[in-house]
C-alpha atoms as a PDB file:
ATOM      1  CA  UNK A   1     111.089 120.707 103.141  1.00  0.00           C
ATOM      2  CA  UNK A   2     113.245 122.354 105.763  1.00  0.00           C
ATOM      3  CA  UNK A   3     115.812 120.401 107.756  1.00  0.00           C
ATOM      4  CA  UNK A   4     119.098 118.676 107.065  1.00  0.00           C
ATOM      5  CA  UNK A   5     119.768 116.487 104.050  1.00  0.00           C
ATOM      6  CA  UNK A   6     121.291 113.285 105.420  1.00  0.00           C
ATOM      7  CA  UNK A   7     121.211 111.220 102.227  1.00  0.00           C
ATOM      8  CA  UNK A   8     123.284 113.234  99.724  1.00  0.00           C
ATOM      9  CA  UNK A   9     122.358 114.378  96.236  1.00  0.00           C
ATOM     10  CA  UNK A  10     121.748 110.935  94.782  1.00  0.00           C
ATOM     11  CA  UNK A  11     118.827 108.787  93.738  1.00  0.00           C
ATOM     12  CA  UNK A  12     117.440 108.239  97.231  1.00  0.00           C
ATOM     13  CA  UNK A  13     117.332 111.366  99.395  1.00  0.00           C
ATOM     14  CA  UNK A  14     116.735 111.649 103.120  1.00  0.00           C
ATOM     15  CA  UNK A  15     115.644 114.867 104.789  1.00  0.00           C
ATOM     16  CA  UNK A  16     114.940 115.032 108.517  1.00  0.00           C
ATOM     17  CA  UNK A  17     112.715 117.769 109.897  1.00  0.00           C
ATOM     18  CA  UNK A  18     112.183 117.445 113.623  1.00  0.00           C
ATOM     19  CA  UNK A  19     110.949 113.948 114.399  1.00  0.00           C
ATOM     20  CA  UNK A  20     110.042 113.197 110.753  1.00  0.00           C
ATOM     21  CA  UNK A  21     112.384 111.696 108.161  1.00  0.00           C
ATOM     22  CA  UNK A  22     111.298 111.882 104.519  1.00  0.00           C
ATOM     23  CA  UNK A  23     112.819 109.371 102.110  1.00  0.00           C
ATOM     24  CA  UNK A  24     112.462 110.382  98.453  1.00  0.00           C
ATOM     25  CA  UNK A  25     112.973 108.134  95.438  1.00  0.00           C
ATOM     26  CA  UNK A  26     114.743 110.757  93.365  1.00  0.00           C
ATOM     27  CA  UNK A  27     114.853 109.823  89.717  1.00  0.00           C
ATOM     28  CA  UNK A  28     112.086 112.018  88.278  1.00  0.00           C
ATOM     29  CA  UNK A  29     113.432 111.885  84.716  1.00  0.00           C
ATOM     30  CA  UNK A  30     112.552 108.149  84.784  1.00  0.00           C
ATOM     31  CA  UNK A  31     109.423 108.615  86.942  1.00  0.00           C
ATOM     32  CA  UNK A  32     111.519 107.190  89.817  1.00  0.00           C
ATOM     33  CA  UNK A  33     111.936 103.786  88.167  1.00  0.00           C
ATOM     34  CA  UNK A  34     113.866 101.575  90.578  1.00  0.00           C
ATOM     35  CA  UNK A  35     117.378 100.524  89.649  1.00  0.00           C
ATOM     36  CA  UNK A  36     120.053  98.560  91.499  1.00  0.00           C
ATOM     37  CA  UNK A  37     121.577 101.647  93.078  1.00  0.00           C
ATOM     38  CA  UNK A  38     118.193 102.730  94.430  1.00  0.00           C
ATOM     39  CA  UNK A  39     117.421  99.339  95.968  1.00  0.00           C
ATOM     40  CA  UNK A  40     120.843  99.410  97.659  1.00  0.00           C
ATOM     41  CA  UNK A  41     120.292 102.943  98.979  1.00  0.00           C
ATOM     42  CA  UNK A  42     116.764 102.220 100.230  1.00  0.00           C
ATOM     43  CA  UNK A  43     118.126  99.382 102.343  1.00  0.00           C
ATOM     44  CA  UNK A  44     120.983 101.486 103.691  1.00  0.00           C
ATOM     45  CA  UNK A  45     118.726 104.444 104.441  1.00  0.00           C
ATOM     46  CA  UNK A  46     116.061 102.509 106.312  1.00  0.00           C
ATOM     47  CA  UNK A  47     118.582 100.519 108.327  1.00  0.00           C
ATOM     48  CA  UNK A  48     120.164 103.816 109.399  1.00  0.00           C
ATOM     49  CA  UNK A  49     116.780 105.345 110.241  1.00  0.00           C
ATOM     50  CA  UNK A  50     115.906 102.297 112.322  1.00  0.00           C
ATOM     51  CA  UNK A  51     118.833 103.135 114.610  1.00  0.00           C
ATOM     52  CA  UNK A  52     118.061 106.869 114.787  1.00  0.00           C
ATOM     53  CA  UNK A  53     116.654 107.753 118.210  1.00  0.00           C
ATOM     54  CA  UNK A  54     115.607 111.171 116.931  1.00  0.00           C
ATOM     55  CA  UNK A  55     113.062 109.779 114.446  1.00  0.00           C
ATOM     56  CA  UNK A  56     109.421 109.107 115.293  1.00  0.00           C
ATOM     57  CA  UNK A  57     107.970 108.670 111.787  1.00  0.00           C
ATOM     58  CA  UNK A  58     109.268 108.069 108.250  1.00  0.00           C
ATOM     59  CA  UNK A  59     107.543 109.177 105.037  1.00  0.00           C
ATOM     60  CA  UNK A  60     108.355 107.391 101.754  1.00  0.00           C
ATOM     61  CA  UNK A  61     107.580 109.359  98.593  1.00  0.00           C
ATOM     62  CA  UNK A  62     108.639 109.847  95.004  1.00  0.00           C
ATOM     63  CA  UNK A  63     110.230 112.973  93.596  1.00  0.00           C
ATOM     64  CA  UNK A  64     107.723 115.126  91.765  1.00  0.00           C
ATOM     65  CA  UNK A  65     103.998 114.539  91.497  1.00  0.00           C
ATOM     66  CA  UNK A  66     103.853 112.031  88.635  1.00  0.00           C
ATOM     67  CA  UNK A  67     104.860 108.832  90.398  1.00  0.00           C
ATOM     68  CA  UNK A  68     106.021 107.037  93.467  1.00  0.00           C
ATOM     69  CA  UNK A  69     107.385 104.828  90.720  1.00  0.00           C
ATOM     70  CA  UNK A  70     106.451 102.828  87.593  1.00  0.00           C
ATOM     71  CA  UNK A  71     108.331  99.746  88.812  1.00  0.00           C
ATOM     72  CA  UNK A  72     111.681  98.359  87.762  1.00  0.00           C
ATOM     73  CA  UNK A  73     114.074  99.979  85.343  1.00  0.00           C
ATOM     74  CA  UNK A  74     113.647  97.452  82.528  1.00  0.00           C
ATOM     75  CA  UNK A  75     116.809  98.681  80.806  1.00  0.00           C
ATOM     76  CA  UNK A  76     118.832  96.958  83.568  1.00  0.00           C
ATOM     77  CA  UNK A  77     117.470  93.505  82.804  1.00  0.00           C
ATOM     78  CA  UNK A  78     119.907  92.740  79.982  1.00  0.00           C
ATOM     79  CA  UNK A  79     122.982  93.152  82.198  1.00  0.00           C
ATOM     80  CA  UNK A  80     121.694  92.731  85.758  1.00  0.00           C
ATOM     81  CA  UNK A  81     118.758  90.276  85.586  1.00  0.00           C
ATOM     82  CA  UNK A  82     119.262  88.258  82.441  1.00  0.00           C
ATOM     83  CA  UNK A  83     119.111  84.767  84.001  1.00  0.00           C
ATOM     84  CA  UNK A  84     118.026  83.040  87.195  1.00  0.00           C
ATOM     85  CA  UNK A  85     121.432  83.380  88.872  1.00  0.00           C
ATOM     86  CA  UNK A  86     121.583  87.130  88.266  1.00  0.00           C
ATOM     87  CA  UNK A  87     117.934  87.513  89.182  1.00  0.00           C
ATOM     88  CA  UNK A  88     118.388  85.684  92.494  1.00  0.00           C
ATOM     89  CA  UNK A  89     121.331  87.934  93.400  1.00  0.00           C
ATOM     90  CA  UNK A  90     119.360  91.042  92.436  1.00  0.00           C
ATOM     91  CA  UNK A  91     116.349  89.694  94.324  1.00  0.00           C
ATOM     92  CA  UNK A  92     118.368  89.355  97.525  1.00  0.00           C
ATOM     93  CA  UNK A  93     119.238  93.035  97.223  1.00  0.00           C
ATOM     94  CA  UNK A  94     115.597  93.995  96.641  1.00  0.00           C
ATOM     95  CA  UNK A  95     114.348  91.892  99.520  1.00  0.00           C
ATOM     96  CA  UNK A  96     116.963  93.288 101.888  1.00  0.00           C
ATOM     97  CA  UNK A  97     115.635  96.748 101.051  1.00  0.00           C
ATOM     98  CA  UNK A  98     112.028  95.664 101.482  1.00  0.00           C
ATOM     99  CA  UNK A  99     112.771  94.033 104.834  1.00  0.00           C
ATOM    100  CA  UNK A 100     114.578  97.192 105.944  1.00  0.00           C
ATOM    101  CA  UNK A 101     111.384  99.167 105.294  1.00  0.00           C
ATOM    102  CA  UNK A 102     109.105  96.601 106.946  1.00  0.00           C
ATOM    103  CA  UNK A 103     111.459  96.034 109.892  1.00  0.00           C
ATOM    104  CA  UNK A 104     112.127  99.716 110.585  1.00  0.00           C
ATOM    105  CA  UNK A 105     110.928 100.150 114.165  1.00  0.00           C
ATOM    106  CA  UNK A 106     109.474 103.591 113.437  1.00  0.00           C
ATOM    107  CA  UNK A 107     106.064 104.019 111.754  1.00  0.00           C
ATOM    108  CA  UNK A 108     106.448 104.348 107.968  1.00  0.00           C
ATOM    109  CA  UNK A 109     103.880 106.168 105.806  1.00  0.00           C
ATOM    110  CA  UNK A 110     103.830 105.959 101.991  1.00  0.00           C
ATOM    111  CA  UNK A 111     102.813 109.211 100.265  1.00  0.00           C
ATOM    112  CA  UNK A 112     101.527 108.251  96.809  1.00  0.00           C
ATOM    113  CA  UNK A 113     100.975 110.533  93.839  1.00  0.00           C
ATOM    114  CA  UNK A 114     100.654 109.348  90.243  1.00  0.00           C
ATOM    115  CA  UNK A 115     101.898 105.894  89.291  1.00  0.00           C
ATOM    116  CA  UNK A 116     102.500 103.244  91.941  1.00  0.00           C
ATOM    117  CA  UNK A 117     103.236 100.200  89.821  1.00  0.00           C
ATOM    118  CA  UNK A 118     105.263  97.003  90.177  1.00  0.00           C
ATOM    119  CA  UNK A 119     108.296  97.465  92.424  1.00  0.00           C
ATOM    120  CA  UNK A 120     107.051 100.829  93.690  1.00  0.00           C
ATOM    121  CA  UNK A 121     103.818  99.210  94.845  1.00  0.00           C
ATOM    122  CA  UNK A 122     105.838  96.400  96.411  1.00  0.00           C
ATOM    123  CA  UNK A 123     107.805  99.007  98.391  1.00  0.00           C
ATOM    124  CA  UNK A 124     104.561 100.712  99.413  1.00  0.00           C
ATOM    125  CA  UNK A 125     103.254  97.349 100.644  1.00  0.00           C
ATOM    126  CA  UNK A 126     106.145  97.270 103.117  1.00  0.00           C
ATOM    127  CA  UNK A 127     105.043 100.577 104.659  1.00  0.00           C
ATOM    128  CA  UNK A 128     102.642 100.661 107.604  1.00  0.00           C
ATOM    129  CA  UNK A 129     100.199 103.149 106.074  1.00  0.00           C
ATOM    130  CA  UNK A 130      99.515 104.228 102.493  1.00  0.00           C
ATOM    131  CA  UNK A 131      97.899 107.581 101.633  1.00  0.00           C
ATOM    132  CA  UNK A 132      97.175 108.317  97.963  1.00  0.00           C
ATOM    133  CA  UNK A 133      95.710 111.009  95.761  1.00  0.00           C
ATOM    134  CA  UNK A 134      92.541 110.296  93.789  1.00  0.00           C
ATOM    135  CA  UNK A 135      94.305 110.271  90.416  1.00  0.00           C
ATOM    136  CA  UNK A 136      97.006 107.782  91.446  1.00  0.00           C
ATOM    137  CA  UNK A 137      97.222 104.446  89.640  1.00  0.00           C
ATOM    138  CA  UNK A 138      98.158 100.973  90.847  1.00  0.00           C
ATOM    139  CA  UNK A 139      98.969  97.535  89.525  1.00  0.00           C
ATOM    140  CA  UNK A 140     101.482  94.711  89.208  1.00  0.00           C
ATOM    141  CA  UNK A 141     101.456  93.882  85.469  1.00  0.00           C
ATOM    142  CA  UNK A 142     104.519  91.653  85.672  1.00  0.00           C
ATOM    143  CA  UNK A 143     102.976  88.599  84.018  1.00  0.00           C
ATOM    144  CA  UNK A 144     103.151  90.634  80.801  1.00  0.00           C
ATOM    145  CA  UNK A 145     106.939  90.564  81.219  1.00  0.00           C
ATOM    146  CA  UNK A 146     107.069  86.878  82.116  1.00  0.00           C
ATOM    147  CA  UNK A 147     108.050  87.758  85.694  1.00  0.00           C
ATOM    148  CA  UNK A 148     106.982  86.230  89.008  1.00  0.00           C
ATOM    149  CA  UNK A 149     106.352  88.099  92.258  1.00  0.00           C
ATOM    150  CA  UNK A 150     108.603  86.501  94.884  1.00  0.00           C
ATOM    151  CA  UNK A 151     107.607  85.354  98.360  1.00  0.00           C
ATOM    152  CA  UNK A 152     108.356  88.502 100.443  1.00  0.00           C
ATOM    153  CA  UNK A 153     106.170  90.648  98.177  1.00  0.00           C
ATOM    154  CA  UNK A 154     103.512  87.935  97.926  1.00  0.00           C
ATOM    155  CA  UNK A 155     103.378  87.730 101.706  1.00  0.00           C
ATOM    156  CA  UNK A 156     102.879  91.493 102.071  1.00  0.00           C
ATOM    157  CA  UNK A 157     100.237  91.574  99.321  1.00  0.00           C
ATOM    158  CA  UNK A 158      98.243  88.630 100.653  1.00  0.00           C
ATOM    159  CA  UNK A 159      98.415  90.010 104.214  1.00  0.00           C
ATOM    160  CA  UNK A 160      96.760  93.216 102.999  1.00  0.00           C
ATOM    161  CA  UNK A 161      94.178  91.997 100.479  1.00  0.00           C
ATOM    162  CA  UNK A 162      93.813  88.221 100.945  1.00  0.00           C
ATOM    163  CA  UNK A 163      94.674  85.426  98.486  1.00  0.00           C
ATOM    164  CA  UNK A 164      91.785  85.836  96.047  1.00  0.00           C
ATOM    165  CA  UNK A 165      92.257  89.576  95.507  1.00  0.00           C
ATOM    166  CA  UNK A 166      96.026  89.090  95.321  1.00  0.00           C
ATOM    167  CA  UNK A 167      95.536  86.552  92.555  1.00  0.00           C
ATOM    168  CA  UNK A 168      93.105  88.872  90.770  1.00  0.00           C
ATOM    169  CA  UNK A 169      95.727  91.645  90.782  1.00  0.00           C
ATOM    170  CA  UNK A 170      98.435  89.292  89.502  1.00  0.00           C
ATOM    171  CA  UNK A 171      96.286  87.329  87.026  1.00  0.00           C
ATOM    172  CA  UNK A 172      94.600  90.314  85.380  1.00  0.00           C
ATOM    173  CA  UNK A 173      97.710  92.520  85.481  1.00  0.00           C
ATOM    174  CA  UNK A 174      95.522  95.627  85.159  1.00  0.00           C
ATOM    175  CA  UNK A 175      96.423  99.152  86.156  1.00  0.00           C
ATOM    176  CA  UNK A 176      93.568 100.461  88.310  1.00  0.00           C
ATOM    177  CA  UNK A 177      92.609 103.653  90.079  1.00  0.00           C
ATOM    178  CA  UNK A 178      92.878 104.702  93.717  1.00  0.00           C
ATOM    179  CA  UNK A 179      89.224 104.079  94.495  1.00  0.00           C
ATOM    180  CA  UNK A 180      89.583 100.438  93.439  1.00  0.00           C
ATOM    181  CA  UNK A 181      92.898 100.157  95.286  1.00  0.00           C
ATOM    182  CA  UNK A 182      91.210 101.396  98.460  1.00  0.00           C
ATOM    183  CA  UNK A 183      88.315  98.968  97.986  1.00  0.00           C
ATOM    184  CA  UNK A 184      90.789  96.100  97.557  1.00  0.00           C
ATOM    185  CA  UNK A 185      92.529  97.018 100.833  1.00  0.00           C
ATOM    186  CA  UNK A 186      95.768  98.380  99.375  1.00  0.00           C
ATOM    187  CA  UNK A 187      95.268 101.905 100.733  1.00  0.00           C
ATOM    188  CA  UNK A 188      94.372 103.471 104.070  1.00  0.00           C
ATOM    189  CA  UNK A 189      93.214 106.823 102.680  1.00  0.00           C
ATOM    190  CA  UNK A 190      92.401 108.374  99.315  1.00  0.00           C
ATOM    191  CA  UNK A 191      92.152 112.165  99.168  1.00  0.00           C
ATOM    192  CA  UNK A 192      91.796 114.845  96.464  1.00  0.00           C
ATOM    193  CA  UNK A 193      95.034 115.457  94.596  1.00  0.00           C
ATOM    194  CA  UNK A 194      95.688 118.839  96.187  1.00  0.00           C
ATOM    195  CA  UNK A 195      95.183 117.456  99.701  1.00  0.00           C
ATOM    196  CA  UNK A 196      97.543 114.478  99.760  1.00  0.00           C
ATOM    197  CA  UNK A 197     100.461 116.338 101.357  1.00  0.00           C
ATOM    198  CA  UNK A 198      98.276 117.967 104.003  1.00  0.00           C
ATOM    199  CA  UNK A 199      96.685 114.589 104.795  1.00  0.00           C
ATOM    200  CA  UNK A 200     100.095 112.950 105.115  1.00  0.00           C
ATOM    201  CA  UNK A 201     101.235 115.795 107.371  1.00  0.00           C
ATOM    202  CA  UNK A 202      98.120 115.422 109.532  1.00  0.00           C
ATOM    203  CA  UNK A 203      98.608 111.659 109.858  1.00  0.00           C
ATOM    204  CA  UNK A 204     102.291 112.076 110.665  1.00  0.00           C
ATOM    205  CA  UNK A 205     101.372 114.693 113.258  1.00  0.00           C
ATOM    206  CA  UNK A 206      99.026 112.270 114.993  1.00  0.00           C
ATOM    207  CA  UNK A 207     101.751 109.612 115.006  1.00  0.00           C
ATOM    208  CA  UNK A 208     104.435 111.915 116.390  1.00  0.00           C
ATOM    209  CA  UNK A 209     102.101 113.176 119.127  1.00  0.00           C
ATOM    210  CA  UNK A 210     101.898 109.661 120.578  1.00  0.00           C
ATOM    211  CA  UNK A 211     104.423 107.947 122.800  1.00  0.00           C
ATOM    212  CA  UNK A 212     107.157 106.774 120.368  1.00  0.00           C
ATOM    213  CA  UNK A 213     107.984 103.596 122.299  1.00  0.00           C
ATOM    214  CA  UNK A 214     104.300 102.643 122.255  1.00  0.00           C
ATOM    215  CA  UNK A 215     104.138 103.148 118.472  1.00  0.00           C
ATOM    216  CA  UNK A 216     107.209 100.943 118.110  1.00  0.00           C
ATOM    217  CA  UNK A 217     105.735  98.258 120.341  1.00  0.00           C
ATOM    218  CA  UNK A 218     102.426  98.276 118.481  1.00  0.00           C
ATOM    219  CA  UNK A 219     104.218  97.890 115.149  1.00  0.00           C
ATOM    220  CA  UNK A 220     106.354  95.060 116.516  1.00  0.00           C
ATOM    221  CA  UNK A 221     103.377  93.263 118.087  1.00  0.00           C
ATOM    222  CA  UNK A 222     101.134  93.498 115.032  1.00  0.00           C
ATOM    223  CA  UNK A 223     103.739  92.137 112.615  1.00  0.00           C
ATOM    224  CA  UNK A 224     104.749  89.527 115.184  1.00  0.00           C
ATOM    225  CA  UNK A 225     101.116  88.430 115.482  1.00  0.00           C
ATOM    226  CA  UNK A 226     100.499  88.064 111.750  1.00  0.00           C
ATOM    227  CA  UNK A 227     103.745  86.105 111.460  1.00  0.00           C
ATOM    228  CA  UNK A 228     101.839  83.135 112.799  1.00  0.00           C
ATOM    229  CA  UNK A 229     104.415  81.578 115.110  1.00  0.00           C
ATOM    230  CA  UNK A 230     103.387  80.963 118.756  1.00  0.00           C
ATOM    231  CA  UNK A 231     104.114  83.669 121.307  1.00  0.00           C
ATOM    232  CA  UNK A 232     106.512  82.843 124.113  1.00  0.00           C
ATOM    233  CA  UNK A 233     105.910  83.840 127.735  1.00  0.00           C
ATOM    234  CA  UNK A 234     108.563  86.515 127.246  1.00  0.00           C
ATOM    235  CA  UNK A 235     106.683  87.853 124.210  1.00  0.00           C
ATOM    236  CA  UNK A 236     103.453  88.165 126.160  1.00  0.00           C
ATOM    237  CA  UNK A 237     105.169  89.800 129.137  1.00  0.00           C
ATOM    238  CA  UNK A 238     106.704  92.466 126.902  1.00  0.00           C
ATOM    239  CA  UNK A 239     103.248  93.971 126.532  1.00  0.00           C
ATOM    240  CA  UNK A 240     103.517  95.267 130.117  1.00  0.00           C
ATOM    241  CA  UNK A 241     106.993  96.817 129.831  1.00  0.00           C
ATOM    242  CA  UNK A 242     105.394 100.158 128.966  1.00  0.00           C
ATOM    243  CA  UNK A 243     104.402 100.556 132.631  1.00  0.00           C
ATOM    244  CA  UNK A 244     108.097 100.981 133.509  1.00  0.00           C
ATOM    245  CA  UNK A 245     108.662 103.878 131.084  1.00  0.00           C
ATOM    246  CA  UNK A 246     108.839 107.570 131.851  1.00  0.00           C
ATOM    247  CA  UNK A 247     106.438 108.153 128.958  1.00  0.00           C
ATOM    248  CA  UNK A 248     103.785 106.140 130.797  1.00  0.00           C
ATOM    249  CA  UNK A 249     104.215 108.361 133.839  1.00  0.00           C
ATOM    250  CA  UNK A 250     104.064 111.446 131.645  1.00  0.00           C
ATOM    251  CA  UNK A 251     100.957 110.223 129.839  1.00  0.00           C
ATOM    252  CA  UNK A 252      99.099 109.598 133.097  1.00  0.00           C
ATOM    253  CA  UNK A 253     100.254 112.931 134.532  1.00  0.00           C
ATOM    254  CA  UNK A 254      99.107 114.835 131.432  1.00  0.00           C
ATOM    255  CA  UNK A 255      95.747 113.048 131.337  1.00  0.00           C
ATOM    256  CA  UNK A 256      94.981 113.838 134.977  1.00  0.00           C
ATOM    257  CA  UNK A 257      96.151 117.444 134.564  1.00  0.00           C
ATOM    258  CA  UNK A 258      94.216 117.836 131.293  1.00  0.00           C
ATOM    259  CA  UNK A 259      97.563 118.768 129.761  1.00  0.00           C
ATOM    260  CA  UNK A 260      99.377 117.867 126.537  1.00  0.00           C
ATOM    261  CA  UNK A 261     101.946 115.123 127.204  1.00  0.00           C
ATOM    262  CA  UNK A 262     105.615 115.695 126.399  1.00  0.00           C
ATOM    263  CA  UNK A 263     106.836 112.234 125.440  1.00  0.00           C
ATOM    264  CA  UNK A 264     110.602 111.727 125.333  1.00  0.00           C
ATOM    265  CA  UNK A 265     110.840 108.132 124.174  1.00  0.00           C
ATOM    266  CA  UNK A 266     112.130 106.612 127.383  1.00  0.00           C
END
């Protein structure tokens, strides 16, 4: 992908091309298995992207075509997650990264090829949209390791698929295909393997063509709504702030002129 590399040659890469930032889990020799360094970097990267005015969409993907990721790097458990105290500390790091993805004000799209298991699926759950190839595989087989999915991941999973399907996924601990994942509500789109990148590009193009402030508001409002707490008068009034933006004026002008709008994000 053309553009500037803003993440360095490490295990989580960031490349920005125009309005689109692509975040790559870059550990292909381990199928992008997530380690402590990667969780730290994911949090740092998404917090930085949240503040970047030049971004209108973020794509999360894995290096190569074999996996977004197979889950956690189990080899770390002996030294990093060997008891509840260590696990809680490690969990805080993971959840900070997950919240950084979910709370990023820009739309986030997961591009999924190959394995999307365990922690990789949990990261994908934090994205706004998930687009996968037909041969991709999904699952959270952590009960076979004696592990529990913690509340932030549970919340994201149940929000997408409901409690009964979430329990089915966790109880059975199966690895299943993309068609079943789509039927369960985990995915937005499933496409032939050779079309996943073009489908992601098309979706990202649609997103970037819209008014960026409106996309940010819609994301904020939807997650605010499913949070369950009552809306304040200020919350409800915010829905009309768009009428004071230059992008609103530009959108109306372009519509009346049968022209393509040039949104500037202000």
